[in-house]
């Protein structure tokens, strides 16, 4: 199956500028291959940022920050594994996900 985590902002959309992932130390399951995706209906996701052999998060540096160039705001965000973690497993062990950017609420959409 697919290994992922999805966040829904319900009444807002976010034009994401960068994001941060924090992982817990002590276990060799640091993300290496994944994609950050966005959606407005929760069904059809578009890639925002893809990573292959990304070694930003390690036992010494448990946090990674990545800038993105999203051209549109989204209501749903998904981090989906596309390959094994540093321990050659498909474990998804994150303790924190931060999405940074500009919020757009329902009022801004004319609803």
PDB file of N, CA and C in Angstrom:
ATOM      1  N   UNK A   1       0.804  -1.190   0.000  1.00  0.00           N
ATOM      2  CA  UNK A   1       0.000   0.000   0.000  1.00  0.00           C
ATOM      3  C   UNK A   1       0.846   1.252   0.000  1.00  0.00           C
ATOM      4  N   UNK A   2       0.161   2.349  -0.040  1.00  0.00           N
ATOM      5  CA  UNK A   2       0.798   3.662  -0.064  1.00  0.00           C
ATOM      6  C   UNK A   2       1.023   4.165   1.356  1.00  0.00           C
ATOM      7  N   UNK A   3       2.205   4.692   1.624  1.00  0.00           N
ATOM      8  CA  UNK A   3       2.521   5.248   2.925  1.00  0.00           C
ATOM      9  C   UNK A   3       2.528   6.761   2.798  1.00  0.00           C
ATOM     10  N   UNK A   4       1.574   7.404   3.514  1.00  0.00           N
ATOM     11  CA  UNK A   4       1.454   8.856   3.400  1.00  0.00           C
ATOM     12  C   UNK A   4       0.756   9.423   4.625  1.00  0.00           C
ATOM     13  N   UNK A   5       0.830  10.741   4.750  1.00  0.00           N
ATOM     14  CA  UNK A   5       0.069  11.475   5.750  1.00  0.00           C
ATOM     15  C   UNK A   5      -0.526  12.689   5.045  1.00  0.00           C
ATOM     16  N   UNK A   6      -1.801  12.982   5.353  1.00  0.00           N
ATOM     17  CA  UNK A   6      -2.500  14.086   4.705  1.00  0.00           C
ATOM     18  C   UNK A   6      -3.002  15.062   5.758  1.00  0.00           C
ATOM     19  N   UNK A   7      -2.882  16.348   5.460  1.00  0.00           N
ATOM     20  CA  UNK A   7      -3.368  17.423   6.316  1.00  0.00           C
ATOM     21  C   UNK A   7      -4.418  18.197   5.528  1.00  0.00           C
ATOM     22  N   UNK A   8      -5.579  18.443   6.164  1.00  0.00           N
ATOM     23  CA  UNK A   8      -6.648  19.221   5.530  1.00  0.00           C
ATOM     24  C   UNK A   8      -6.844  20.511   6.311  1.00  0.00           C
ATOM     25  N   UNK A   9      -6.865  21.642   5.617  1.00  0.00           N
ATOM     26  CA  UNK A   9      -7.033  22.937   6.258  1.00  0.00           C
ATOM     27  C   UNK A   9      -8.497  23.361   6.357  1.00  0.00           C
ATOM     28  N   UNK A  10      -9.442  22.520   5.986  1.00  0.00           N
ATOM     29  CA  UNK A  10     -10.896  22.724   6.043  1.00  0.00           C
ATOM     30  C   UNK A  10     -11.378  23.996   5.366  1.00  0.00           C
ATOM     31  N   UNK A  11     -11.311  25.147   6.034  1.00  0.00           N
ATOM     32  CA  UNK A  11     -11.904  26.382   5.519  1.00  0.00           C
ATOM     33  C   UNK A  11     -10.889  27.338   4.906  1.00  0.00           C
ATOM     34  N   UNK A  12      -9.675  26.869   4.695  1.00  0.00           N
ATOM     35  CA  UNK A  12      -8.627  27.739   4.170  1.00  0.00           C
ATOM     36  C   UNK A  12      -7.845  27.030   3.070  1.00  0.00           C
ATOM     37  N   UNK A  13      -7.141  27.824   2.315  1.00  0.00           N
ATOM     38  CA  UNK A  13      -6.155  27.317   1.364  1.00  0.00           C
ATOM     39  C   UNK A  13      -4.826  27.967   1.730  1.00  0.00           C
ATOM     40  N   UNK A  14      -3.746  27.274   1.433  1.00  0.00           N
ATOM     41  CA  UNK A  14      -2.410  27.778   1.725  1.00  0.00           C
ATOM     42  C   UNK A  14      -1.583  27.794   0.450  1.00  0.00           C
ATOM     43  N   UNK A  15      -1.011  28.944   0.168  1.00  0.00           N
ATOM     44  CA  UNK A  15      -0.008  29.046  -0.894  1.00  0.00           C
ATOM     45  C   UNK A  15       1.325  28.807  -0.199  1.00  0.00           C
ATOM     46  N   UNK A  16       1.795  27.581  -0.266  1.00  0.00           N
ATOM     47  CA  UNK A  16       2.967  27.175   0.516  1.00  0.00           C
ATOM     48  C   UNK A  16       4.241  27.767  -0.081  1.00  0.00           C
ATOM     49  N   UNK A  17       5.101  28.256   0.819  1.00  0.00           N
ATOM     50  CA  UNK A  17       6.363  28.890   0.468  1.00  0.00           C
ATOM     51  C   UNK A  17       7.543  27.981   0.831  1.00  0.00           C
ATOM     52  N   UNK A  18       7.434  27.288   1.956  1.00  0.00           N
ATOM     53  CA  UNK A  18       8.425  26.295   2.369  1.00  0.00           C
ATOM     54  C   UNK A  18       7.792  25.389   3.419  1.00  0.00           C
ATOM     55  N   UNK A  19       8.454  24.277   3.690  1.00  0.00           N
ATOM     56  CA  UNK A  19       7.940  23.379   4.715  1.00  0.00           C
ATOM     57  C   UNK A  19       9.078  22.757   5.489  1.00  0.00           C
ATOM     58  N   UNK A  20       8.743  22.308   6.699  1.00  0.00           N
ATOM     59  CA  UNK A  20       9.714  21.750   7.634  1.00  0.00           C
ATOM     60  C   UNK A  20       9.213  20.386   8.091  1.00  0.00           C
ATOM     61  N   UNK A  21      10.130  19.436   8.135  1.00  0.00           N
ATOM     62  CA  UNK A  21       9.844  18.116   8.699  1.00  0.00           C
ATOM     63  C   UNK A  21      10.820  17.881   9.836  1.00  0.00           C
ATOM     64  N   UNK A  22      10.292  17.422  10.973  1.00  0.00           N
ATOM     65  CA  UNK A  22      11.109  17.057  12.124  1.00  0.00           C
ATOM     66  C   UNK A  22      10.880  15.578  12.385  1.00  0.00           C
ATOM     67  N   UNK A  23      11.965  14.864  12.612  1.00  0.00           N
ATOM     68  CA  UNK A  23      11.881  13.440  12.916  1.00  0.00           C
ATOM     69  C   UNK A  23      12.529  13.164  14.264  1.00  0.00           C
ATOM     70  N   UNK A  24      12.110  12.080  14.888  1.00  0.00           N
ATOM     71  CA  UNK A  24      12.645  11.682  16.180  1.00  0.00           C
ATOM     72  C   UNK A  24      13.972  10.955  15.997  1.00  0.00           C
ATOM     73  N   UNK A  25      14.908  11.195  16.881  1.00  0.00           N
ATOM     74  CA  UNK A  25      16.212  10.536  16.805  1.00  0.00           C
ATOM     75  C   UNK A  25      16.178   9.139  17.397  1.00  0.00           C
ATOM     76  N   UNK A  26      17.234   8.404  17.165  1.00  0.00           N
ATOM     77  CA  UNK A  26      17.394   7.099  17.775  1.00  0.00           C
ATOM     78  C   UNK A  26      16.990   5.923  16.909  1.00  0.00           C
ATOM     79  N   UNK A  27      16.290   6.164  15.822  1.00  0.00           N
ATOM     80  CA  UNK A  27      15.872   5.084  14.935  1.00  0.00           C
ATOM     81  C   UNK A  27      16.282   5.472  13.516  1.00  0.00           C
ATOM     82  N   UNK A  28      16.834   4.557  12.781  1.00  0.00           N
ATOM     83  CA  UNK A  28      17.356   4.867  11.447  1.00  0.00           C
ATOM     84  C   UNK A  28      16.244   4.818  10.396  1.00  0.00           C
ATOM     85  N   UNK A  29      15.280   5.721  10.526  1.00  0.00           N
ATOM     86  CA  UNK A  29      14.158   5.783   9.584  1.00  0.00           C
ATOM     87  C   UNK A  29      13.977   7.200   9.067  1.00  0.00           C
ATOM     88  N   UNK A  30      15.049   7.855   8.691  1.00  0.00           N
ATOM     89  CA  UNK A  30      14.974   9.229   8.218  1.00  0.00           C
ATOM     90  C   UNK A  30      14.538   9.254   6.754  1.00  0.00           C
ATOM     91  N   UNK A  31      13.594  10.136   6.453  1.00  0.00           N
ATOM     92  CA  UNK A  31      13.059  10.218   5.092  1.00  0.00           C
ATOM     93  C   UNK A  31      14.173  10.470   4.086  1.00  0.00           C
ATOM     94  N   UNK A  32      14.090   9.793   2.960  1.00  0.00           N
ATOM     95  CA  UNK A  32      15.054   9.985   1.876  1.00  0.00           C
ATOM     96  C   UNK A  32      14.348  10.247   0.544  1.00  0.00           C
ATOM     97  N   UNK A  33      13.212   9.602   0.332  1.00  0.00           N
ATOM     98  CA  UNK A  33      12.500   9.744  -0.941  1.00  0.00           C
ATOM     99  C   UNK A  33      11.011   9.943  -0.671  1.00  0.00           C
ATOM    100  N   UNK A  34      10.525  11.130  -1.028  1.00  0.00           N
ATOM    101  CA  UNK A  34       9.117  11.451  -0.816  1.00  0.00           C
ATOM    102  C   UNK A  34       8.713  12.591  -1.726  1.00  0.00           C
ATOM    103  N   UNK A  35       7.411  12.849  -1.735  1.00  0.00           N
ATOM    104  CA  UNK A  35       6.871  13.966  -2.509  1.00  0.00           C
ATOM    105  C   UNK A  35       5.860  14.706  -1.627  1.00  0.00           C
ATOM    106  N   UNK A  36       5.914  16.032  -1.664  1.00  0.00           N
ATOM    107  CA  UNK A  36       4.882  16.877  -1.062  1.00  0.00           C
ATOM    108  C   UNK A  36       3.888  17.187  -2.165  1.00  0.00           C
ATOM    109  N   UNK A  37       2.606  16.898  -1.899  1.00  0.00           N
ATOM    110  CA  UNK A  37       1.574  17.086  -2.911  1.00  0.00           C
ATOM    111  C   UNK A  37       0.462  17.977  -2.355  1.00  0.00           C
ATOM    112  N   UNK A  38      -0.243  18.652  -3.256  1.00  0.00           N
ATOM    113  CA  UNK A  38      -1.355  19.502  -2.868  1.00  0.00           C
ATOM    114  C   UNK A  38      -2.608  19.150  -3.639  1.00  0.00           C
ATOM    115  N   UNK A  39      -3.769  19.421  -3.011  1.00  0.00           N
ATOM    116  CA  UNK A  39      -5.060  19.136  -3.627  1.00  0.00           C
ATOM    117  C   UNK A  39      -6.096  20.108  -3.070  1.00  0.00           C
ATOM    118  N   UNK A  40      -7.124  20.362  -3.834  1.00  0.00           N
ATOM    119  CA  UNK A  40      -8.238  21.157  -3.328  1.00  0.00           C
ATOM    120  C   UNK A  40      -9.497  20.334  -3.110  1.00  0.00           C
ATOM    121  N   UNK A  41      -9.508  19.089  -3.614  1.00  0.00           N
ATOM    122  CA  UNK A  41     -10.673  18.233  -3.399  1.00  0.00           C
ATOM    123  C   UNK A  41     -10.356  17.006  -2.541  1.00  0.00           C
ATOM    124  N   UNK A  42      -9.089  16.788  -2.199  1.00  0.00           N
ATOM    125  CA  UNK A  42      -8.700  15.647  -1.379  1.00  0.00           C
ATOM    126  C   UNK A  42      -8.601  14.340  -2.141  1.00  0.00           C
ATOM    127  N   UNK A  43      -8.833  14.384  -3.445  1.00  0.00           N
ATOM    128  CA  UNK A  43      -8.790  13.162  -4.268  1.00  0.00           C
ATOM    129  C   UNK A  43      -7.672  13.225  -5.302  1.00  0.00           C
ATOM    130  N   UNK A  44      -7.601  14.320  -6.037  1.00  0.00           N
ATOM    131  CA  UNK A  44      -6.586  14.495  -7.072  1.00  0.00           C
ATOM    132  C   UNK A  44      -5.470  15.382  -6.526  1.00  0.00           C
ATOM    133  N   UNK A  45      -4.289  14.802  -6.331  1.00  0.00           N
ATOM    134  CA  UNK A  45      -3.146  15.525  -5.776  1.00  0.00           C
ATOM    135  C   UNK A  45      -2.145  15.856  -6.876  1.00  0.00           C
ATOM    136  N   UNK A  46      -1.558  17.048  -6.774  1.00  0.00           N
ATOM    137  CA  UNK A  46      -0.532  17.507  -7.709  1.00  0.00           C
ATOM    138  C   UNK A  46       0.798  17.620  -6.968  1.00  0.00           C
ATOM    139  N   UNK A  47       1.905  17.239  -7.585  1.00  0.00           N
ATOM    140  CA  UNK A  47       3.208  17.360  -6.910  1.00  0.00           C
ATOM    141  C   UNK A  47       3.602  18.826  -6.718  1.00  0.00           C
ATOM    142  N   UNK A  48       4.130  19.118  -5.541  1.00  0.00           N
ATOM    143  CA  UNK A  48       4.657  20.446  -5.231  1.00  0.00           C
ATOM    144  C   UNK A  48       6.177  20.383  -5.124  1.00  0.00           C
ATOM    145  N   UNK A  49       6.676  19.336  -4.461  1.00  0.00           N
ATOM    146  CA  UNK A  49       8.113  19.194  -4.247  1.00  0.00           C
ATOM    147  C   UNK A  49       8.459  17.707  -4.135  1.00  0.00           C
ATOM    148  N   UNK A  50       9.385  17.234  -4.963  1.00  0.00           N
ATOM    149  CA  UNK A  50       9.789  15.823  -4.946  1.00  0.00           C
ATOM    150  C   UNK A  50      11.230  15.704  -4.467  1.00  0.00           C
ATOM    151  N   UNK A  51      11.497  14.635  -3.723  1.00  0.00           N
ATOM    152  CA  UNK A  51      12.825  14.418  -3.157  1.00  0.00           C
ATOM    153  C   UNK A  51      13.295  12.995  -3.446  1.00  0.00           C
ATOM    154  N   UNK A  52      14.528  12.869  -3.893  1.00  0.00           N
ATOM    155  CA  UNK A  52      15.146  11.567  -4.136  1.00  0.00           C
ATOM    156  C   UNK A  52      16.535  11.593  -3.519  1.00  0.00           C
ATOM    157  N   UNK A  53      16.832  10.628  -2.668  1.00  0.00           N
ATOM    158  CA  UNK A  53      18.121  10.528  -1.978  1.00  0.00           C
ATOM    159  C   UNK A  53      18.439  11.833  -1.233  1.00  0.00           C
ATOM    160  N   UNK A  54      17.446  12.395  -0.566  1.00  0.00           N
ATOM    161  CA  UNK A  54      17.597  13.633   0.206  1.00  0.00           C
ATOM    162  C   UNK A  54      18.087  13.272   1.601  1.00  0.00           C
ATOM    163  N   UNK A  55      19.265  13.729   1.952  1.00  0.00           N
ATOM    164  CA  UNK A  55      19.884  13.385   3.235  1.00  0.00           C
ATOM    165  C   UNK A  55      19.877  14.548   4.220  1.00  0.00           C
ATOM    166  N   UNK A  56      18.910  15.445   4.104  1.00  0.00           N
ATOM    167  CA  UNK A  56      18.855  16.614   4.985  1.00  0.00           C
ATOM    168  C   UNK A  56      18.589  16.219   6.439  1.00  0.00           C
ATOM    169  N   UNK A  57      17.717  15.246   6.663  1.00  0.00           N
ATOM    170  CA  UNK A  57      17.387  14.820   8.020  1.00  0.00           C
ATOM    171  C   UNK A  57      18.258  13.620   8.382  1.00  0.00           C
ATOM    172  N   UNK A  58      19.005  13.767   9.474  1.00  0.00           N
ATOM    173  CA  UNK A  58      19.915  12.719   9.939  1.00  0.00           C
ATOM    174  C   UNK A  58      19.826  12.615  11.461  1.00  0.00           C
ATOM    175  N   UNK A  59      20.551  11.679  12.045  1.00  0.00           N
ATOM    176  CA  UNK A  59      20.592  11.540  13.503  1.00  0.00           C
ATOM    177  C   UNK A  59      21.169  12.799  14.145  1.00  0.00           C
ATOM    178  N   UNK A  60      22.055  13.500  13.438  1.00  0.00           N
ATOM    179  CA  UNK A  60      22.669  14.729  13.969  1.00  0.00           C
ATOM    180  C   UNK A  60      21.785  15.948  13.727  1.00  0.00           C
ATOM    181  N   UNK A  61      21.057  15.959  12.637  1.00  0.00           N
ATOM    182  CA  UNK A  61      20.179  17.083  12.269  1.00  0.00           C
ATOM    183  C   UNK A  61      18.785  16.518  12.036  1.00  0.00           C
ATOM    184  N   UNK A  62      17.935  16.589  13.062  1.00  0.00           N
ATOM    185  CA  UNK A  62      16.621  15.935  13.034  1.00  0.00           C
ATOM    186  C   UNK A  62      15.552  16.756  12.321  1.00  0.00           C
ATOM    187  N   UNK A  63      15.932  17.910  11.774  1.00  0.00           N
ATOM    188  CA  UNK A  63      14.966  18.797  11.127  1.00  0.00           C
ATOM    189  C   UNK A  63      15.480  19.203   9.757  1.00  0.00           C
ATOM    190  N   UNK A  64      14.575  19.221   8.779  1.00  0.00           N
ATOM    191  CA  UNK A  64      14.904  19.697   7.443  1.00  0.00           C
ATOM    192  C   UNK A  64      13.906  20.752   7.014  1.00  0.00           C
ATOM    193  N   UNK A  65      14.378  21.728   6.232  1.00  0.00           N
ATOM    194  CA  UNK A  65      13.534  22.801   5.728  1.00  0.00           C
ATOM    195  C   UNK A  65      13.753  22.905   4.225  1.00  0.00           C
ATOM    196  N   UNK A  66      12.650  22.960   3.463  1.00  0.00           N
ATOM    197  CA  UNK A  66      12.744  22.998   2.009  1.00  0.00           C
ATOM    198  C   UNK A  66      11.888  24.131   1.449  1.00  0.00           C
ATOM    199  N   UNK A  67      12.463  25.000   0.636  1.00  0.00           N
ATOM    200  CA  UNK A  67      11.659  26.010  -0.057  1.00  0.00           C
ATOM    201  C   UNK A  67      10.924  25.358  -1.221  1.00  0.00           C
ATOM    202  N   UNK A  68       9.754  25.882  -1.540  1.00  0.00           N
ATOM    203  CA  UNK A  68       8.988  25.372  -2.678  1.00  0.00           C
ATOM    204  C   UNK A  68       8.467  26.546  -3.497  1.00  0.00           C
ATOM    205  N   UNK A  69       8.144  26.267  -4.733  1.00  0.00           N
ATOM    206  CA  UNK A  69       7.582  27.278  -5.632  1.00  0.00           C
ATOM    207  C   UNK A  69       6.212  26.817  -6.103  1.00  0.00           C
ATOM    208  N   UNK A  70       5.244  26.866  -5.194  1.00  0.00           N
ATOM    209  CA  UNK A  70       3.885  26.477  -5.543  1.00  0.00           C
ATOM    210  C   UNK A  70       3.212  27.641  -6.246  1.00  0.00           C
ATOM    211  N   UNK A  71       2.546  27.358  -7.352  1.00  0.00           N
ATOM    212  CA  UNK A  71       1.904  28.416  -8.124  1.00  0.00           C
ATOM    213  C   UNK A  71       0.446  28.628  -7.738  1.00  0.00           C
ATOM    214  N   UNK A  72      -0.106  27.730  -6.916  1.00  0.00           N
ATOM    215  CA  UNK A  72      -1.503  27.879  -6.517  1.00  0.00           C
ATOM    216  C   UNK A  72      -1.687  27.421  -5.079  1.00  0.00           C
ATOM    217  N   UNK A  73      -2.690  27.962  -4.400  1.00  0.00           N
ATOM    218  CA  UNK A  73      -2.956  27.534  -3.019  1.00  0.00           C
ATOM    219  C   UNK A  73      -3.721  26.213  -2.995  1.00  0.00           C
ATOM    220  N   UNK A  74      -3.542  25.465  -1.915  1.00  0.00           N
ATOM    221  CA  UNK A  74      -4.216  24.177  -1.746  1.00  0.00           C
ATOM    222  C   UNK A  74      -4.851  24.089  -0.371  1.00  0.00           C
ATOM    223  N   UNK A  75      -5.858  23.243  -0.287  1.00  0.00           N
ATOM    224  CA  UNK A  75      -6.567  22.971   0.955  1.00  0.00           C
ATOM    225  C   UNK A  75      -6.040  21.701   1.634  1.00  0.00           C
ATOM    226  N   UNK A  76      -5.608  20.725   0.837  1.00  0.00           N
ATOM    227  CA  UNK A  76      -5.091  19.447   1.334  1.00  0.00           C
ATOM    228  C   UNK A  76      -3.617  19.323   0.949  1.00  0.00           C
ATOM    229  N   UNK A  77      -2.820  18.832   1.896  1.00  0.00           N
ATOM    230  CA  UNK A  77      -1.404  18.577   1.638  1.00  0.00           C
ATOM    231  C   UNK A  77      -1.087  17.156   2.054  1.00  0.00           C
ATOM    232  N   UNK A  78      -0.270  16.489   1.233  1.00  0.00           N
ATOM    233  CA  UNK A  78       0.086  15.101   1.512  1.00  0.00           C
ATOM    234  C   UNK A  78       1.589  14.926   1.355  1.00  0.00           C
ATOM    235  N   UNK A  79       2.196  14.247   2.330  1.00  0.00           N
ATOM    236  CA  UNK A  79       3.582  13.769   2.210  1.00  0.00           C
ATOM    237  C   UNK A  79       3.463  12.281   1.926  1.00  0.00           C
ATOM    238  N   UNK A  80       3.994  11.856   0.772  1.00  0.00           N
ATOM    239  CA  UNK A  80       3.876  10.457   0.346  1.00  0.00           C
ATOM    240  C   UNK A  80       5.269   9.888   0.092  1.00  0.00           C
ATOM    241  N   UNK A  81       5.550   8.749   0.728  1.00  0.00           N
ATOM    242  CA  UNK A  81       6.833   8.079   0.491  1.00  0.00           C
ATOM    243  C   UNK A  81       6.889   7.550  -0.930  1.00  0.00           C
ATOM    244  N   UNK A  82       8.050   7.727  -1.568  1.00  0.00           N
ATOM    245  CA  UNK A  82       8.251   7.189  -2.917  1.00  0.00           C
ATOM    246  C   UNK A  82       9.392   6.183  -2.959  1.00  0.00           C
ATOM    247  N   UNK A  83       9.998   5.944  -1.798  1.00  0.00           N
ATOM    248  CA  UNK A  83      11.101   4.996  -1.697  1.00  0.00           C
ATOM    249  C   UNK A  83      11.414   4.746  -0.230  1.00  0.00           C
ATOM    250  N   UNK A  84      12.399   3.901   0.034  1.00  0.00           N
ATOM    251  CA  UNK A  84      12.719   3.547   1.420  1.00  0.00           C
ATOM    252  C   UNK A  84      13.360   4.695   2.194  1.00  0.00           C
ATOM    253  N   UNK A  85      13.263   4.589   3.514  1.00  0.00           N
ATOM    254  CA  UNK A  85      13.929   5.543   4.400  1.00  0.00           C
ATOM    255  C   UNK A  85      15.412   5.185   4.507  1.00  0.00           C
ATOM    256  N   UNK A  86      16.124   5.916   5.343  1.00  0.00           N
ATOM    257  CA  UNK A  86      17.570   5.675   5.479  1.00  0.00           C
ATOM    258  C   UNK A  86      17.872   4.274   5.994  1.00  0.00           C
ATOM    259  N   UNK A  87      16.963   3.655   6.730  1.00  0.00           N
ATOM    260  CA  UNK A  87      17.158   2.302   7.239  1.00  0.00           C
ATOM    261  C   UNK A  87      16.688   1.233   6.275  1.00  0.00           C
ATOM    262  N   UNK A  88      16.481   1.602   5.010  1.00  0.00           N
ATOM    263  CA  UNK A  88      16.038   0.688   3.945  1.00  0.00           C
ATOM    264  C   UNK A  88      14.665   0.087   4.237  1.00  0.00           C
ATOM    265  N   UNK A  89      13.849   0.810   5.011  1.00  0.00           N
ATOM    266  CA  UNK A  89      12.477   0.387   5.282  1.00  0.00           C
ATOM    267  C   UNK A  89      11.548   1.454   4.730  1.00  0.00           C
ATOM    268  N   UNK A  90      10.297   1.122   4.607  1.00  0.00           N
ATOM    269  CA  UNK A  90       9.296   2.115   4.183  1.00  0.00           C
ATOM    270  C   UNK A  90       8.524   2.607   5.399  1.00  0.00           C
ATOM    271  N   UNK A  91       9.243   2.911   6.469  1.00  0.00           N
ATOM    272  CA  UNK A  91       8.637   3.462   7.669  1.00  0.00           C
ATOM    273  C   UNK A  91       8.529   4.977   7.531  1.00  0.00           C
ATOM    274  N   UNK A  92       7.456   5.506   8.075  1.00  0.00           N
ATOM    275  CA  UNK A  92       7.185   6.931   7.987  1.00  0.00           C
ATOM    276  C   UNK A  92       7.115   7.465   9.411  1.00  0.00           C
ATOM    277  N   UNK A  93       8.230   7.924   9.930  1.00  0.00           N
ATOM    278  CA  UNK A  93       8.318   8.345  11.327  1.00  0.00           C
ATOM    279  C   UNK A  93       8.650   9.834  11.404  1.00  0.00           C
ATOM    280  N   UNK A  94       7.616  10.689  11.391  1.00  0.00           N
ATOM    281  CA  UNK A  94       7.854  12.113  11.579  1.00  0.00           C
ATOM    282  C   UNK A  94       7.131  12.560  12.842  1.00  0.00           C
ATOM    283  N   UNK A  95       7.693  13.554  13.522  1.00  0.00           N
ATOM    284  CA  UNK A  95       7.070  14.067  14.735  1.00  0.00           C
ATOM    285  C   UNK A  95       6.444  15.432  14.511  1.00  0.00           C
ATOM    286  N   UNK A  96       6.828  16.107  13.433  1.00  0.00           N
ATOM    287  CA  UNK A  96       6.307  17.443  13.183  1.00  0.00           C
ATOM    288  C   UNK A  96       6.363  17.774  11.702  1.00  0.00           C
ATOM    289  N   UNK A  97       5.292  18.388  11.218  1.00  0.00           N
ATOM    290  CA  UNK A  97       5.231  18.898   9.853  1.00  0.00           C
ATOM    291  C   UNK A  97       4.756  20.336   9.932  1.00  0.00           C
ATOM    292  N   UNK A  98       5.529  21.264   9.392  1.00  0.00           N
ATOM    293  CA  UNK A  98       5.143  22.668   9.347  1.00  0.00           C
ATOM    294  C   UNK A  98       5.027  23.101   7.899  1.00  0.00           C
ATOM    295  N   UNK A  99       3.909  23.719   7.583  1.00  0.00           N
ATOM    296  CA  UNK A  99       3.674  24.276   6.252  1.00  0.00           C
ATOM    297  C   UNK A  99       3.647  25.795   6.397  1.00  0.00           C
ATOM    298  N   UNK A 100       4.519  26.484   5.671  1.00  0.00           N
ATOM    299  CA  UNK A 100       4.628  27.937   5.761  1.00  0.00           C
ATOM    300  C   UNK A 100       4.213  28.569   4.441  1.00  0.00           C
ATOM    301  N   UNK A 101       3.530  29.697   4.525  1.00  0.00           N
ATOM    302  CA  UNK A 101       3.114  30.403   3.327  1.00  0.00           C
ATOM    303  C   UNK A 101       2.045  31.420   3.637  1.00  0.00           C
ATOM    304  N   UNK A 102       1.129  31.615   2.688  1.00  0.00           N
ATOM    305  CA  UNK A 102       0.075  32.608   2.809  1.00  0.00           C
ATOM    306  C   UNK A 102      -1.267  31.906   2.823  1.00  0.00           C
ATOM    307  N   UNK A 103      -2.081  32.200   3.849  1.00  0.00           N
ATOM    308  CA  UNK A 103      -3.415  31.615   4.017  1.00  0.00           C
ATOM    309  C   UNK A 103      -4.435  32.411   3.205  1.00  0.00           C
ATOM    310  N   UNK A 104      -5.331  31.658   2.608  1.00  0.00           N
ATOM    311  CA  UNK A 104      -6.470  32.260   1.933  1.00  0.00           C
ATOM    312  C   UNK A 104      -7.723  31.580   2.478  1.00  0.00           C
ATOM    313  N   UNK A 105      -8.617  32.356   3.095  1.00  0.00           N
ATOM    314  CA  UNK A 105      -9.824  31.794   3.707  1.00  0.00           C
ATOM    315  C   UNK A 105     -10.986  31.773   2.745  1.00  0.00           C
ATOM    316  N   UNK A 106     -12.102  31.223   3.219  1.00  0.00           N
ATOM    317  CA  UNK A 106     -13.317  31.136   2.400  1.00  0.00           C
ATOM    318  C   UNK A 106     -13.779  32.508   1.918  1.00  0.00           C
ATOM    319  N   UNK A 107     -13.652  33.540   2.770  1.00  0.00           N
ATOM    320  CA  UNK A 107     -14.080  34.891   2.387  1.00  0.00           C
ATOM    321  C   UNK A 107     -13.312  35.406   1.174  1.00  0.00           C
ATOM    322  N   UNK A 108     -12.034  35.048   1.078  1.00  0.00           N
ATOM    323  CA  UNK A 108     -11.204  35.493  -0.048  1.00  0.00           C
ATOM    324  C   UNK A 108     -11.642  34.834  -1.360  1.00  0.00           C
ATOM    325  N   UNK A 109     -12.376  33.717  -1.249  1.00  0.00           N
ATOM    326  CA  UNK A 109     -12.830  32.998  -2.431  1.00  0.00           C
ATOM    327  C   UNK A 109     -14.243  33.415  -2.821  1.00  0.00           C
ATOM    328  N   UNK A 110     -14.836  34.361  -2.069  1.00  0.00           N
ATOM    329  CA  UNK A 110     -16.175  34.823  -2.394  1.00  0.00           C
ATOM    330  C   UNK A 110     -17.270  33.890  -1.912  1.00  0.00           C
ATOM    331  N   UNK A 111     -16.982  33.031  -0.934  1.00  0.00           N
ATOM    332  CA  UNK A 111     -18.003  32.098  -0.414  1.00  0.00           C
ATOM    333  C   UNK A 111     -18.659  32.685   0.809  1.00  0.00           C
TER     334      UNK A 111
END
